[in-house]
Amino acid sequence: MLLDNSLYKITSQNHSSLAGEFELALNSDHIIYQSHFPGYPITPGVIQLQIITELCGVCLDKKIRISKINRSKFIKIINPEVNKTISIAISLTTQNHESEVDATITFGDIVFTKISMTLS
């Protein structure tokens, strides 16, 4: 994984090849947050996509990449100083060599992000 244990740590996980639920602790001292944005860190959308892709790799037990982003909704800002932990729920459907993914990033009742994408 590229960002695991540097930008985030998995603190809880329950997954199979069809779904996953993860709790992550965000590292607000990571270099990404020093430049995006100084004094008001925000988790970039592309980083959220990468985190979800890495967690899908955990579910599928293989290295994967994004083939297509079908839908992405960045509803609320993830500030790691305010939201030190986040939850990610993933549902996967695999056919041939591709996996369709629906994922949601939340904190309690707050929904930050909803993503639908294809991985290969």
C-alpha atoms as a PDB file:
ATOM      1  CA  MET A   1       0.000   0.000   0.000  1.00  0.00           C
ATOM      2  CA  LEU A   2       1.177   3.464  -0.795  1.00  0.00           C
ATOM      3  CA  LEU A   3      -0.543   5.546   1.899  1.00  0.00           C
ATOM      4  CA  ASP A   4      -1.262   2.954   4.604  1.00  0.00           C
ATOM      5  CA  ASN A   5       0.825   3.537   7.745  1.00  0.00           C
ATOM      6  CA  SER A   6       1.867   6.998   6.585  1.00  0.00           C
ATOM      7  CA  LEU A   7      -1.272   9.038   5.782  1.00  0.00           C
ATOM      8  CA  TYR A   8      -3.594   6.650   7.610  1.00  0.00           C
ATOM      9  CA  LYS A   9      -3.632   3.580   9.807  1.00  0.00           C
ATOM     10  CA  ILE A  10      -6.313   0.914   9.713  1.00  0.00           C
ATOM     11  CA  THR A  11      -7.606   0.702  13.276  1.00  0.00           C
ATOM     12  CA  SER A  12     -10.462  -1.709  12.592  1.00  0.00           C
ATOM     13  CA  GLN A  13     -11.417  -3.878   9.637  1.00  0.00           C
ATOM     14  CA  ASN A  14     -13.988  -6.452   8.682  1.00  0.00           C
ATOM     15  CA  HIS A  15     -13.883  -7.555   5.061  1.00  0.00           C
ATOM     16  CA  SER A  16     -14.419 -10.252   2.480  1.00  0.00           C
ATOM     17  CA  SER A  17     -14.057 -10.332  -1.287  1.00  0.00           C
ATOM     18  CA  LEU A  18     -17.561  -8.800  -1.548  1.00  0.00           C
ATOM     19  CA  ALA A  19     -17.481  -6.022   1.044  1.00  0.00           C
ATOM     20  CA  GLY A  20     -15.440  -4.250   3.647  1.00  0.00           C
ATOM     21  CA  GLU A  21     -15.839  -1.951   6.614  1.00  0.00           C
ATOM     22  CA  PHE A  22     -12.773  -0.061   7.760  1.00  0.00           C
ATOM     23  CA  GLU A  23     -12.011   2.457  10.486  1.00  0.00           C
ATOM     24  CA  LEU A  24      -9.006   4.662   9.758  1.00  0.00           C
ATOM     25  CA  ALA A  25      -6.980   7.077  11.860  1.00  0.00           C
ATOM     26  CA  LEU A  26      -5.706   9.982   9.759  1.00  0.00           C
ATOM     27  CA  ASN A  27      -2.218  11.408  10.278  1.00  0.00           C
ATOM     28  CA  SER A  28      -2.682  15.201  10.265  1.00  0.00           C
ATOM     29  CA  ASP A  29       1.134  15.641  10.259  1.00  0.00           C
ATOM     30  CA  HIS A  30       1.517  13.944   6.856  1.00  0.00           C
ATOM     31  CA  ILE A  31       3.247  16.046   4.178  1.00  0.00           C
ATOM     32  CA  ILE A  32       0.092  16.079   2.031  1.00  0.00           C
ATOM     33  CA  TYR A  33      -1.677  18.160   4.666  1.00  0.00           C
ATOM     34  CA  GLN A  34       1.226  20.607   4.946  1.00  0.00           C
ATOM     35  CA  SER A  35       0.603  21.757   1.388  1.00  0.00           C
ATOM     36  CA  HIS A  36      -3.148  21.100   1.067  1.00  0.00           C
ATOM     37  CA  PHE A  37      -3.706  23.565   2.789  1.00  0.00           C
ATOM     38  CA  PRO A  38      -1.335  25.119   5.360  1.00  0.00           C
ATOM     39  CA  GLY A  39      -3.301  25.995   8.484  1.00  0.00           C
ATOM     40  CA  TYR A  40      -6.461  24.299   7.193  1.00  0.00           C
ATOM     41  CA  PRO A  41      -5.679  20.739   6.080  1.00  0.00           C
ATOM     42  CA  ILE A  42      -8.093  19.058   3.696  1.00  0.00           C
ATOM     43  CA  THR A  43      -7.931  15.486   2.401  1.00  0.00           C
ATOM     44  CA  PRO A  44      -7.746  15.845  -1.403  1.00  0.00           C
ATOM     45  CA  GLY A  45     -10.323  13.956  -3.475  1.00  0.00           C
ATOM     46  CA  VAL A  46      -7.633  12.059  -5.376  1.00  0.00           C
ATOM     47  CA  ILE A  47      -6.207  10.862  -2.042  1.00  0.00           C
ATOM     48  CA  GLN A  48      -9.652   9.669  -0.972  1.00  0.00           C
ATOM     49  CA  LEU A  49      -9.851   7.683  -4.230  1.00  0.00           C
ATOM     50  CA  GLN A  50      -6.419   6.189  -3.553  1.00  0.00           C
ATOM     51  CA  ILE A  51      -7.359   5.178   0.000  1.00  0.00           C
ATOM     52  CA  ILE A  52     -10.518   3.451  -1.248  1.00  0.00           C
ATOM     53  CA  THR A  53      -8.527   1.690  -3.983  1.00  0.00           C
ATOM     54  CA  GLU A  54      -5.970   0.464  -1.443  1.00  0.00           C
ATOM     55  CA  LEU A  55      -8.733  -0.841   0.852  1.00  0.00           C
ATOM     56  CA  CYS A  56     -10.389  -2.607  -2.095  1.00  0.00           C
ATOM     57  CA  GLY A  57      -7.022  -4.283  -2.648  1.00  0.00           C
ATOM     58  CA  VAL A  58      -7.198  -5.516   0.954  1.00  0.00           C
ATOM     59  CA  CYS A  59     -10.685  -6.950   0.328  1.00  0.00           C
ATOM     60  CA  LEU A  60      -9.648  -8.626  -2.932  1.00  0.00           C
ATOM     61  CA  ASP A  61      -6.172  -9.596  -1.657  1.00  0.00           C
ATOM     62  CA  LYS A  62      -4.440  -8.252  -4.747  1.00  0.00           C
ATOM     63  CA  LYS A  63      -2.959  -5.102  -6.200  1.00  0.00           C
ATOM     64  CA  ILE A  64      -5.494  -3.199  -8.296  1.00  0.00           C
ATOM     65  CA  ARG A  65      -5.891   0.103 -10.106  1.00  0.00           C
ATOM     66  CA  ILE A  66      -8.721   2.416 -11.067  1.00  0.00           C
ATOM     67  CA  SER A  67     -10.038   1.774 -14.584  1.00  0.00           C
ATOM     68  CA  LYS A  68     -12.989   4.154 -14.514  1.00  0.00           C
ATOM     69  CA  ILE A  69     -14.662   6.537 -12.101  1.00  0.00           C
ATOM     70  CA  ASN A  70     -18.387   6.205 -12.657  1.00  0.00           C
ATOM     71  CA  ARG A  71     -19.534   8.711 -10.031  1.00  0.00           C
ATOM     72  CA  SER A  72     -17.801  10.729  -7.346  1.00  0.00           C
ATOM     73  CA  LYS A  73     -19.472  13.032  -4.856  1.00  0.00           C
ATOM     74  CA  PHE A  74     -17.299  14.926  -2.411  1.00  0.00           C
ATOM     75  CA  ILE A  75     -20.031  16.142  -0.085  1.00  0.00           C
ATOM     76  CA  LYS A  76     -18.102  17.498   2.898  1.00  0.00           C
ATOM     77  CA  ILE A  77     -14.474  18.371   3.605  1.00  0.00           C
ATOM     78  CA  ILE A  78     -12.370  15.871   5.555  1.00  0.00           C
ATOM     79  CA  ASN A  79     -10.141  17.889   7.882  1.00  0.00           C
ATOM     80  CA  PRO A  80      -7.820  15.463   9.731  1.00  0.00           C
ATOM     81  CA  GLU A  81      -7.520  17.844  12.668  1.00  0.00           C
ATOM     82  CA  VAL A  82     -11.299  17.801  13.168  1.00  0.00           C
ATOM     83  CA  ASN A  83     -12.061  14.290  11.889  1.00  0.00           C
ATOM     84  CA  LYS A  84      -9.153  12.283  13.238  1.00  0.00           C
ATOM     85  CA  THR A  85     -10.920   9.047  12.320  1.00  0.00           C
ATOM     86  CA  ILE A  86     -13.117   8.093   9.382  1.00  0.00           C
ATOM     87  CA  SER A  87     -15.132   5.028   8.400  1.00  0.00           C
ATOM     88  CA  ILE A  88     -15.150   3.554   4.926  1.00  0.00           C
ATOM     89  CA  ALA A  89     -17.793   1.080   3.746  1.00  0.00           C
ATOM     90  CA  ILE A  90     -17.091  -0.776   0.509  1.00  0.00           C
ATOM     91  CA  SER A  91     -19.249  -3.071  -1.605  1.00  0.00           C
ATOM     92  CA  LEU A  92     -17.678  -5.027  -4.467  1.00  0.00           C
ATOM     93  CA  THR A  93     -19.011  -6.970  -7.438  1.00  0.00           C
ATOM     94  CA  THR A  94     -16.401  -8.841  -9.453  1.00  0.00           C
ATOM     95  CA  GLN A  95     -16.890 -10.116 -12.979  1.00  0.00           C
ATOM     96  CA  ASN A  96     -14.127 -11.313 -15.286  1.00  0.00           C
ATOM     97  CA  HIS A  97     -11.079  -9.242 -14.338  1.00  0.00           C
ATOM     98  CA  GLU A  98     -12.908  -6.126 -13.170  1.00  0.00           C
ATOM     99  CA  SER A  99     -14.542  -5.110  -9.907  1.00  0.00           C
ATOM    100  CA  GLU A 100     -17.364  -2.614  -9.566  1.00  0.00           C
ATOM    101  CA  VAL A 101     -17.041  -0.665  -6.338  1.00  0.00           C
ATOM    102  CA  ASP A 102     -19.423   1.467  -4.335  1.00  0.00           C
ATOM    103  CA  ALA A 103     -17.808   3.168  -1.353  1.00  0.00           C
ATOM    104  CA  THR A 104     -18.811   5.719   1.250  1.00  0.00           C
ATOM    105  CA  ILE A 105     -16.600   7.677   3.629  1.00  0.00           C
ATOM    106  CA  THR A 106     -18.307   8.740   6.856  1.00  0.00           C
ATOM    107  CA  PHE A 107     -17.769   9.856  10.433  1.00  0.00           C
ATOM    108  CA  GLY A 108     -20.779   8.948  12.539  1.00  0.00           C
ATOM    109  CA  ASP A 109     -23.790  10.351  10.693  1.00  0.00           C
ATOM    110  CA  ILE A 110     -21.680  12.700   8.565  1.00  0.00           C
ATOM    111  CA  VAL A 111     -21.239  11.550   4.960  1.00  0.00           C
ATOM    112  CA  PHE A 112     -18.095  12.957   3.352  1.00  0.00           C
ATOM    113  CA  THR A 113     -17.769  11.075   0.085  1.00  0.00           C
ATOM    114  CA  LYS A 114     -19.625   8.645  -2.156  1.00  0.00           C
ATOM    115  CA  ILE A 115     -17.718   6.890  -4.945  1.00  0.00           C
ATOM    116  CA  SER A 116     -18.672   4.423  -7.659  1.00  0.00           C
ATOM    117  CA  MET A 117     -15.787   3.134  -9.757  1.00  0.00           C
ATOM    118  CA  THR A 118     -14.391   0.228 -11.737  1.00  0.00           C
ATOM    119  CA  LEU A 119     -11.127  -1.430 -10.730  1.00  0.00           C
ATOM    120  CA  SER A 120      -8.935  -3.853 -12.609  1.00  0.00           C
END
